[in-house]
Amino acid sequence: LQNTQTHLCTGRQQYEEAAAYIQAQFDAKNRSPDKEIYCHQTCATDTNNIQFVFDAVTDVIIAKNLRGCGLI
């Protein structure tokens, strides 16, 4: 995403609304309905959350490859 000033975002300047705005920007870039977008907000210093993100990415990669082989 491009660097965007927060005053360009609609809504209050709150974490939840800002996160929803950023997620909507990624969702809007998805031109293929069969393309999955995982969105997860996390703090990079929280190792449990980072592990969750890595696991989610791994799941997507494995599922995509299994679909490509016709196994699911």
N, C-alpha and C. Protein backbone atom coordinates (compact mmCIF):
# COMPACT_ATOMS: atom_id res chain seq x y z
N LEU A 1 0.83 -1.19 0.00
CA LEU A 1 0.00 0.00 0.00
C LEU A 1 0.87 1.24 0.00
N GLN A 2 0.33 2.27 -0.53
CA GLN A 2 1.05 3.52 -0.52
C GLN A 2 1.03 4.11 0.88
N ASN A 3 2.00 4.97 1.15
CA ASN A 3 2.04 5.69 2.41
C ASN A 3 0.88 6.68 2.42
N THR A 4 -0.01 6.55 3.40
CA THR A 4 -1.22 7.36 3.44
C THR A 4 -1.29 8.13 4.74
N GLN A 5 -1.60 9.41 4.65
CA GLN A 5 -1.79 10.23 5.84
C GLN A 5 -3.09 9.82 6.52
N THR A 6 -3.10 9.77 7.85
CA THR A 6 -4.29 9.32 8.56
C THR A 6 -5.48 10.24 8.38
N HIS A 7 -5.26 11.50 8.06
CA HIS A 7 -6.41 12.40 7.88
C HIS A 7 -7.21 12.05 6.61
N LEU A 8 -6.66 11.20 5.76
CA LEU A 8 -7.38 10.77 4.56
C LEU A 8 -8.34 9.63 4.85
N CYS A 9 -8.19 9.00 6.00
CA CYS A 9 -9.06 7.89 6.39
C CYS A 9 -10.34 8.45 7.00
N THR A 10 -11.46 7.80 6.68
CA THR A 10 -12.71 8.23 7.30
C THR A 10 -12.82 7.57 8.67
N GLY A 11 -13.65 8.12 9.51
CA GLY A 11 -13.86 7.55 10.84
C GLY A 11 -12.94 8.15 11.87
N ARG A 12 -13.12 7.70 13.08
CA ARG A 12 -12.31 8.20 14.19
C ARG A 12 -10.89 7.65 14.09
N GLN A 13 -9.96 8.30 14.71
CA GLN A 13 -8.56 7.88 14.70
C GLN A 13 -8.32 6.86 15.81
N GLN A 14 -8.95 5.71 15.67
CA GLN A 14 -8.87 4.64 16.66
C GLN A 14 -8.19 3.43 16.02
N TYR A 15 -7.55 2.61 16.85
CA TYR A 15 -6.82 1.43 16.36
C TYR A 15 -7.72 0.53 15.51
N GLU A 16 -8.90 0.17 16.06
CA GLU A 16 -9.78 -0.77 15.37
C GLU A 16 -10.21 -0.24 14.01
N GLU A 17 -10.56 1.05 13.96
CA GLU A 17 -10.99 1.63 12.69
C GLU A 17 -9.83 1.75 11.71
N ALA A 18 -8.66 2.07 12.22
CA ALA A 18 -7.48 2.16 11.35
C ALA A 18 -7.14 0.78 10.78
N ALA A 19 -7.20 -0.26 11.63
CA ALA A 19 -6.91 -1.62 11.18
C ALA A 19 -7.93 -2.06 10.13
N ALA A 20 -9.20 -1.74 10.35
CA ALA A 20 -10.24 -2.10 9.38
C ALA A 20 -10.02 -1.38 8.06
N TYR A 21 -9.60 -0.13 8.11
CA TYR A 21 -9.31 0.65 6.90
C TYR A 21 -8.17 0.00 6.11
N ILE A 22 -7.10 -0.36 6.81
CA ILE A 22 -5.95 -0.98 6.15
C ILE A 22 -6.36 -2.31 5.53
N GLN A 23 -7.14 -3.12 6.27
CA GLN A 23 -7.59 -4.39 5.73
C GLN A 23 -8.45 -4.17 4.48
N ALA A 24 -9.31 -3.17 4.51
CA ALA A 24 -10.16 -2.87 3.35
C ALA A 24 -9.31 -2.49 2.13
N GLN A 25 -8.19 -1.81 2.36
CA GLN A 25 -7.30 -1.45 1.25
C GLN A 25 -6.72 -2.70 0.59
N PHE A 26 -6.31 -3.67 1.40
CA PHE A 26 -5.80 -4.93 0.85
C PHE A 26 -6.92 -5.69 0.15
N ASP A 27 -8.10 -5.78 0.78
CA ASP A 27 -9.23 -6.49 0.17
C ASP A 27 -9.61 -5.88 -1.17
N ALA A 28 -9.53 -4.57 -1.28
CA ALA A 28 -9.89 -3.89 -2.52
C ALA A 28 -8.92 -4.22 -3.65
N LYS A 29 -7.70 -4.60 -3.33
CA LYS A 29 -6.71 -4.96 -4.35
C LYS A 29 -6.90 -6.37 -4.88
N ASN A 30 -7.72 -7.17 -4.21
CA ASN A 30 -7.94 -8.56 -4.60
C ASN A 30 -8.87 -8.60 -5.81
N ARG A 31 -8.30 -8.86 -6.97
CA ARG A 31 -9.09 -8.89 -8.21
C ARG A 31 -9.57 -10.29 -8.56
N SER A 32 -9.18 -11.27 -7.77
CA SER A 32 -9.56 -12.65 -8.05
C SER A 32 -10.33 -13.21 -6.85
N PRO A 33 -11.62 -13.54 -7.04
CA PRO A 33 -12.43 -14.01 -5.91
C PRO A 33 -11.92 -15.31 -5.29
N ASP A 34 -11.15 -16.10 -6.04
CA ASP A 34 -10.63 -17.34 -5.47
C ASP A 34 -9.29 -17.15 -4.78
N LYS A 35 -8.77 -15.92 -4.78
CA LYS A 35 -7.52 -15.63 -4.08
C LYS A 35 -7.83 -15.30 -2.62
N GLU A 36 -7.17 -16.02 -1.72
CA GLU A 36 -7.40 -15.80 -0.29
C GLU A 36 -6.52 -14.69 0.24
N ILE A 37 -7.09 -13.87 1.08
CA ILE A 37 -6.32 -12.86 1.80
C ILE A 37 -6.53 -13.10 3.29
N TYR A 38 -5.44 -13.41 3.98
CA TYR A 38 -5.49 -13.54 5.43
C TYR A 38 -5.11 -12.19 6.02
N CYS A 39 -5.91 -11.72 6.94
CA CYS A 39 -5.58 -10.47 7.62
C CYS A 39 -5.51 -10.73 9.12
N HIS A 40 -4.39 -10.38 9.71
CA HIS A 40 -4.22 -10.57 11.15
C HIS A 40 -3.35 -9.44 11.67
N GLN A 41 -3.88 -8.69 12.61
CA GLN A 41 -3.09 -7.62 13.22
C GLN A 41 -2.32 -8.20 14.40
N THR A 42 -1.07 -7.83 14.49
CA THR A 42 -0.24 -8.37 15.56
C THR A 42 0.86 -7.39 15.92
N CYS A 43 1.44 -7.63 17.07
CA CYS A 43 2.62 -6.89 17.50
C CYS A 43 3.82 -7.76 17.18
N ALA A 44 4.76 -7.23 16.44
CA ALA A 44 5.90 -8.04 15.97
C ALA A 44 6.75 -8.57 17.11
N THR A 45 6.63 -8.03 18.31
CA THR A 45 7.43 -8.54 19.43
C THR A 45 6.71 -9.63 20.20
N ASP A 46 5.47 -9.94 19.86
CA ASP A 46 4.71 -11.00 20.53
C ASP A 46 4.94 -12.30 19.75
N THR A 47 5.79 -13.16 20.28
CA THR A 47 6.18 -14.37 19.54
C THR A 47 5.00 -15.31 19.29
N ASN A 48 4.02 -15.35 20.19
CA ASN A 48 2.86 -16.20 19.96
C ASN A 48 2.05 -15.72 18.76
N ASN A 49 1.87 -14.41 18.64
CA ASN A 49 1.14 -13.87 17.50
C ASN A 49 1.92 -14.06 16.20
N ILE A 50 3.22 -13.89 16.26
CA ILE A 50 4.03 -14.10 15.06
C ILE A 50 3.95 -15.57 14.63
N GLN A 51 3.97 -16.49 15.57
CA GLN A 51 3.83 -17.91 15.25
C GLN A 51 2.48 -18.17 14.59
N PHE A 52 1.42 -17.53 15.09
CA PHE A 52 0.10 -17.67 14.49
C PHE A 52 0.12 -17.22 13.03
N VAL A 53 0.75 -16.10 12.77
CA VAL A 53 0.84 -15.58 11.39
C VAL A 53 1.62 -16.55 10.51
N PHE A 54 2.75 -17.04 10.98
CA PHE A 54 3.54 -17.99 10.20
C PHE A 54 2.73 -19.26 9.93
N ASP A 55 2.01 -19.75 10.93
CA ASP A 55 1.19 -20.95 10.75
C ASP A 55 0.08 -20.71 9.72
N ALA A 56 -0.54 -19.54 9.77
CA ALA A 56 -1.60 -19.22 8.81
C ALA A 56 -1.05 -19.17 7.40
N VAL A 57 0.10 -18.56 7.23
CA VAL A 57 0.73 -18.48 5.90
C VAL A 57 1.08 -19.88 5.41
N THR A 58 1.62 -20.70 6.29
CA THR A 58 1.94 -22.08 5.93
C THR A 58 0.70 -22.83 5.48
N ASP A 59 -0.42 -22.66 6.21
CA ASP A 59 -1.68 -23.31 5.84
C ASP A 59 -2.12 -22.90 4.44
N VAL A 60 -2.02 -21.63 4.13
CA VAL A 60 -2.43 -21.15 2.81
C VAL A 60 -1.56 -21.75 1.72
N ILE A 61 -0.27 -21.78 1.95
CA ILE A 61 0.66 -22.33 0.95
C ILE A 61 0.40 -23.81 0.72
N ILE A 62 0.23 -24.56 1.79
CA ILE A 62 -0.03 -26.00 1.67
C ILE A 62 -1.35 -26.24 0.95
N ALA A 63 -2.41 -25.53 1.36
CA ALA A 63 -3.72 -25.72 0.74
C ALA A 63 -3.68 -25.38 -0.75
N LYS A 64 -2.99 -24.31 -1.11
CA LYS A 64 -2.91 -23.92 -2.52
C LYS A 64 -2.20 -25.00 -3.33
N ASN A 65 -1.13 -25.55 -2.78
CA ASN A 65 -0.40 -26.60 -3.49
C ASN A 65 -1.22 -27.88 -3.59
N LEU A 66 -1.95 -28.23 -2.54
CA LEU A 66 -2.80 -29.42 -2.59
C LEU A 66 -3.93 -29.24 -3.61
N ARG A 67 -4.51 -28.04 -3.68
CA ARG A 67 -5.53 -27.77 -4.69
C ARG A 67 -4.94 -27.85 -6.10
N GLY A 68 -3.73 -27.34 -6.25
CA GLY A 68 -3.08 -27.38 -7.55
C GLY A 68 -2.81 -28.80 -8.02
N CYS A 69 -2.64 -29.72 -7.08
CA CYS A 69 -2.41 -31.13 -7.41
C CYS A 69 -3.71 -31.91 -7.50
N GLY A 70 -4.83 -31.25 -7.21
CA GLY A 70 -6.12 -31.93 -7.26
C GLY A 70 -6.41 -32.80 -6.07
N LEU A 71 -5.70 -32.60 -4.97
CA LEU A 71 -5.90 -33.43 -3.79
C LEU A 71 -6.98 -32.88 -2.86
N ILE A 72 -7.33 -31.61 -3.01
CA ILE A 72 -8.46 -31.06 -2.24
C ILE A 72 -9.27 -30.14 -3.13
